[in-house]
N, C-alpha and C. Protein backbone atom coordinates (compact mmCIF):
# COMPACT_ATOMS: atom_id res chain seq x y z
N MET A 1 113.97 157.41 -169.28
CA MET A 1 115.24 156.76 -169.37
C MET A 1 115.25 155.77 -170.48
N GLY A 2 114.10 155.19 -170.86
CA GLY A 2 114.02 154.23 -171.92
C GLY A 2 114.36 154.83 -173.27
N THR A 3 113.95 156.11 -173.51
CA THR A 3 114.31 156.76 -174.80
C THR A 3 115.77 157.08 -174.85
N GLN A 4 116.36 157.43 -173.71
CA GLN A 4 117.79 157.75 -173.72
C GLN A 4 118.61 156.46 -173.99
N LEU A 5 118.18 155.30 -173.46
CA LEU A 5 118.86 154.05 -173.70
C LEU A 5 118.75 153.61 -175.18
N GLN A 6 117.58 153.93 -175.78
CA GLN A 6 117.40 153.58 -177.20
C GLN A 6 118.30 154.45 -178.07
N ILE A 7 118.54 155.69 -177.66
CA ILE A 7 119.38 156.61 -178.43
C ILE A 7 120.85 156.18 -178.29
N LEU A 8 121.27 155.78 -177.08
CA LEU A 8 122.70 155.44 -176.83
C LEU A 8 123.03 154.02 -177.32
N SER A 9 121.99 153.19 -177.48
CA SER A 9 122.29 151.81 -177.85
C SER A 9 123.03 151.70 -179.18
N PRO A 10 122.65 152.35 -180.28
CA PRO A 10 123.45 152.27 -181.52
C PRO A 10 124.84 152.83 -181.38
N ILE A 11 124.98 153.89 -180.58
CA ILE A 11 126.30 154.49 -180.36
C ILE A 11 127.22 153.49 -179.64
N ILE A 12 126.69 152.83 -178.66
CA ILE A 12 127.45 151.83 -177.95
C ILE A 12 127.83 150.66 -178.84
N GLN A 13 126.90 150.26 -179.68
CA GLN A 13 127.17 149.13 -180.59
C GLN A 13 128.24 149.51 -181.61
N TYR A 14 128.14 150.69 -182.16
CA TYR A 14 129.16 151.18 -183.12
C TYR A 14 130.54 151.33 -182.41
N GLY A 15 130.48 151.73 -181.16
CA GLY A 15 131.74 151.85 -180.40
C GLY A 15 132.42 150.50 -180.20
N PHE A 16 131.64 149.50 -179.89
CA PHE A 16 132.20 148.14 -179.75
C PHE A 16 132.69 147.62 -181.07
N ALA A 17 131.94 147.92 -182.14
CA ALA A 17 132.37 147.47 -183.47
C ALA A 17 133.68 148.11 -183.87
N GLY A 18 133.77 149.43 -183.60
CA GLY A 18 135.01 150.13 -183.90
C GLY A 18 136.17 149.64 -183.10
N LEU A 19 135.93 149.37 -181.81
CA LEU A 19 136.97 148.86 -180.93
C LEU A 19 137.46 147.50 -181.42
N SER A 20 136.54 146.65 -181.84
CA SER A 20 136.95 145.29 -182.31
C SER A 20 137.76 145.40 -183.61
N VAL A 21 137.41 146.36 -184.46
CA VAL A 21 138.21 146.55 -185.69
C VAL A 21 139.63 147.05 -185.37
N VAL A 22 139.73 147.93 -184.39
CA VAL A 22 141.04 148.40 -183.97
C VAL A 22 141.85 147.28 -183.36
N LEU A 23 141.22 146.49 -182.52
CA LEU A 23 141.93 145.35 -181.89
C LEU A 23 142.34 144.32 -182.92
N LEU A 24 141.51 144.08 -183.91
CA LEU A 24 141.86 143.12 -184.97
C LEU A 24 143.05 143.66 -185.77
N GLY A 25 143.08 144.96 -186.02
CA GLY A 25 144.25 145.55 -186.72
C GLY A 25 145.50 145.43 -185.87
N ILE A 26 145.42 145.60 -184.58
CA ILE A 26 146.59 145.44 -183.73
C ILE A 26 147.07 144.00 -183.73
N ILE A 27 146.16 143.05 -183.70
CA ILE A 27 146.54 141.62 -183.77
C ILE A 27 147.27 141.29 -185.06
N VAL A 28 146.73 141.78 -186.18
CA VAL A 28 147.35 141.51 -187.49
C VAL A 28 148.76 142.12 -187.50
N TRP A 29 148.90 143.37 -187.00
CA TRP A 29 150.21 144.02 -186.97
C TRP A 29 151.19 143.22 -186.08
N LEU A 30 150.73 142.75 -184.93
CA LEU A 30 151.59 141.98 -184.06
C LEU A 30 152.04 140.66 -184.70
N ILE A 31 151.14 140.00 -185.42
CA ILE A 31 151.48 138.78 -186.09
C ILE A 31 152.52 139.04 -187.20
N SER A 32 152.35 140.11 -187.94
CA SER A 32 153.33 140.42 -188.97
C SER A 32 154.72 140.71 -188.35
N ARG A 33 154.74 141.41 -187.23
CA ARG A 33 156.00 141.63 -186.52
C ARG A 33 156.61 140.34 -186.05
N LEU A 34 155.79 139.42 -185.53
CA LEU A 34 156.24 138.15 -185.07
C LEU A 34 156.86 137.33 -186.18
N LEU A 35 156.26 137.36 -187.34
CA LEU A 35 156.79 136.62 -188.49
C LEU A 35 158.14 137.19 -188.94
N GLY A 36 158.28 138.50 -188.85
CA GLY A 36 159.57 139.13 -189.16
C GLY A 36 160.65 138.70 -188.19
N ILE A 37 160.29 138.69 -186.91
CA ILE A 37 161.24 138.29 -185.90
C ILE A 37 161.63 136.81 -186.07
N LEU A 38 160.66 135.97 -186.44
CA LEU A 38 160.98 134.56 -186.67
C LEU A 38 161.95 134.38 -187.83
N ALA A 39 161.77 135.21 -188.87
CA ALA A 39 162.70 135.16 -190.06
C ALA A 39 164.13 135.56 -189.59
N GLU A 40 164.21 136.60 -188.80
CA GLU A 40 165.53 136.98 -188.30
C GLU A 40 166.15 135.94 -187.39
N THR A 41 165.31 135.29 -186.63
CA THR A 41 165.79 134.23 -185.70
C THR A 41 166.31 133.07 -186.51
N ASN A 42 165.65 132.73 -187.58
CA ASN A 42 166.15 131.61 -188.47
C ASN A 42 167.49 131.93 -189.05
N THR A 43 167.70 133.22 -189.43
CA THR A 43 168.99 133.62 -189.93
C THR A 43 170.08 133.46 -188.87
N VAL A 44 169.80 133.85 -187.68
CA VAL A 44 170.77 133.71 -186.59
C VAL A 44 171.06 132.25 -186.31
N ILE A 45 170.02 131.41 -186.33
CA ILE A 45 170.21 129.98 -186.08
C ILE A 45 171.09 129.37 -187.16
N LYS A 46 170.91 129.77 -188.42
CA LYS A 46 171.76 129.22 -189.49
C LYS A 46 173.23 129.67 -189.29
N ALA A 47 173.43 130.91 -188.93
CA ALA A 47 174.83 131.38 -188.70
C ALA A 47 175.44 130.67 -187.51
N ASN A 48 174.68 130.44 -186.45
CA ASN A 48 175.22 129.73 -185.27
C ASN A 48 175.54 128.29 -185.62
N THR A 49 174.68 127.68 -186.39
CA THR A 49 174.92 126.28 -186.81
C THR A 49 176.20 126.16 -187.63
N ALA A 50 176.40 127.10 -188.54
CA ALA A 50 177.63 127.09 -189.35
C ALA A 50 178.88 127.29 -188.45
N ALA A 51 178.77 128.19 -187.47
CA ALA A 51 179.89 128.44 -186.55
C ALA A 51 180.19 127.21 -185.70
N ILE A 52 179.17 126.51 -185.26
CA ILE A 52 179.37 125.33 -184.44
C ILE A 52 180.01 124.21 -185.30
N GLN A 53 179.61 124.06 -186.56
CA GLN A 53 180.15 123.05 -187.41
C GLN A 53 181.65 123.35 -187.66
N THR A 54 181.99 124.62 -187.89
CA THR A 54 183.38 125.01 -188.10
C THR A 54 184.20 124.74 -186.81
N LEU A 55 183.66 125.07 -185.68
CA LEU A 55 184.32 124.82 -184.42
C LEU A 55 184.50 123.32 -184.18
N ASP A 56 183.55 122.53 -184.56
CA ASP A 56 183.65 121.07 -184.41
C ASP A 56 184.80 120.53 -185.30
N GLN A 57 184.86 121.03 -186.51
CA GLN A 57 185.89 120.58 -187.45
C GLN A 57 187.27 120.98 -186.91
N ARG A 58 187.41 122.20 -186.44
CA ARG A 58 188.70 122.65 -185.94
C ARG A 58 189.08 121.92 -184.66
N THR A 59 188.10 121.60 -183.84
CA THR A 59 188.40 120.86 -182.62
C THR A 59 188.89 119.46 -182.97
N GLY A 60 188.30 118.84 -183.96
CA GLY A 60 188.75 117.52 -184.41
C GLY A 60 190.19 117.58 -184.92
N GLU A 61 190.45 118.60 -185.72
CA GLU A 61 191.86 118.75 -186.24
C GLU A 61 192.85 118.99 -185.11
N THR A 62 192.47 119.78 -184.13
CA THR A 62 193.35 120.03 -183.00
C THR A 62 193.58 118.78 -182.16
N LEU A 63 192.52 118.03 -181.98
CA LEU A 63 192.66 116.78 -181.26
C LEU A 63 193.58 115.80 -181.95
N ALA A 64 193.45 115.68 -183.30
CA ALA A 64 194.33 114.80 -184.04
C ALA A 64 195.80 115.28 -183.95
N LEU A 65 196.02 116.57 -184.04
CA LEU A 65 197.37 117.10 -183.91
C LEU A 65 197.93 116.83 -182.54
N THR A 66 197.12 117.01 -181.52
CA THR A 66 197.56 116.76 -180.13
C THR A 66 197.92 115.28 -179.96
N ARG A 67 197.14 114.36 -180.53
CA ARG A 67 197.45 112.93 -180.44
C ARG A 67 198.75 112.62 -181.13
N ARG A 68 198.97 113.20 -182.35
CA ARG A 68 200.22 112.95 -183.02
C ARG A 68 201.42 113.46 -182.26
N THR A 69 201.27 114.62 -181.66
CA THR A 69 202.36 115.19 -180.86
C THR A 69 202.62 114.32 -179.64
N PHE A 70 201.57 113.89 -179.01
CA PHE A 70 201.71 113.00 -177.84
C PHE A 70 202.42 111.72 -178.20
N GLU A 71 202.05 111.11 -179.36
CA GLU A 71 202.67 109.89 -179.76
C GLU A 71 204.19 110.09 -180.09
N ARG A 72 204.49 111.23 -180.70
CA ARG A 72 205.90 111.52 -181.01
C ARG A 72 206.72 111.71 -179.71
N LEU A 73 206.07 112.38 -178.73
CA LEU A 73 206.76 112.55 -177.47
C LEU A 73 207.00 111.21 -176.77
N LEU A 74 205.99 110.34 -176.81
CA LEU A 74 206.16 109.01 -176.21
C LEU A 74 207.26 108.23 -176.93
N CYS A 75 207.25 108.35 -178.24
CA CYS A 75 208.27 107.63 -179.01
C CYS A 75 209.67 108.09 -178.66
N LYS A 76 209.85 109.41 -178.49
CA LYS A 76 211.16 109.92 -178.13
C LYS A 76 211.49 109.57 -176.69
N ALA A 77 210.54 109.49 -175.80
CA ALA A 77 210.80 109.15 -174.43
C ALA A 77 211.20 107.71 -174.28
N HIS A 78 210.66 106.82 -175.11
CA HIS A 78 210.98 105.38 -175.06
C HIS A 78 212.21 105.04 -175.90
N ASN A 79 212.58 105.90 -176.80
CA ASN A 79 213.72 105.63 -177.66
C ASN A 79 214.68 106.82 -177.55
N PRO A 80 215.62 106.82 -176.62
CA PRO A 80 216.50 107.96 -176.41
C PRO A 80 217.40 108.25 -177.61
N ARG A 81 217.68 107.27 -178.45
CA ARG A 81 218.51 107.51 -179.63
C ARG A 81 217.78 108.37 -180.63
N ALA A 82 216.48 108.46 -180.58
CA ALA A 82 215.75 109.35 -181.51
C ALA A 82 216.05 110.82 -181.23
N ASN A 83 216.50 111.13 -180.03
CA ASN A 83 216.85 112.49 -179.68
C ASN A 83 218.18 112.87 -180.23
N GLU A 84 219.03 111.85 -180.60
CA GLU A 84 220.37 112.11 -181.10
C GLU A 84 220.36 112.18 -182.61
N GLY A 85 219.19 112.30 -183.22
CA GLY A 85 219.07 112.23 -184.66
C GLY A 85 219.78 113.38 -185.38
N GLY A 86 220.11 114.42 -184.77
CA GLY A 86 220.83 115.47 -185.40
C GLY A 86 219.98 116.78 -185.45
N ALA A 87 220.45 117.74 -186.16
CA ALA A 87 219.81 119.03 -186.25
C ALA A 87 218.64 119.04 -187.25
N GLY A 88 218.49 117.96 -187.99
CA GLY A 88 217.46 117.91 -189.03
C GLY A 88 216.08 117.77 -188.45
N GLU A 89 215.92 117.44 -187.21
CA GLU A 89 214.59 117.23 -186.62
C GLU A 89 214.04 118.46 -186.09
């Protein structure tokens, strides 16, 4: 049995060495895929940030318009003669 173990020992060692090379290759491939996904994620984050900034700007404009409209309605409610201004309004 001792001679058989001596014969199989290099085969087993080369098998483990080959397996470790294959696993190292898989790890490198996975890391490269991960870096690609991170780059795509950064692109999506930039687009979402731009969309949020645009939405914030438009919300501010809408809020200002709503306030102006509210103030005009209050002014007309407190001053009934403003409603008689004619067709020009």
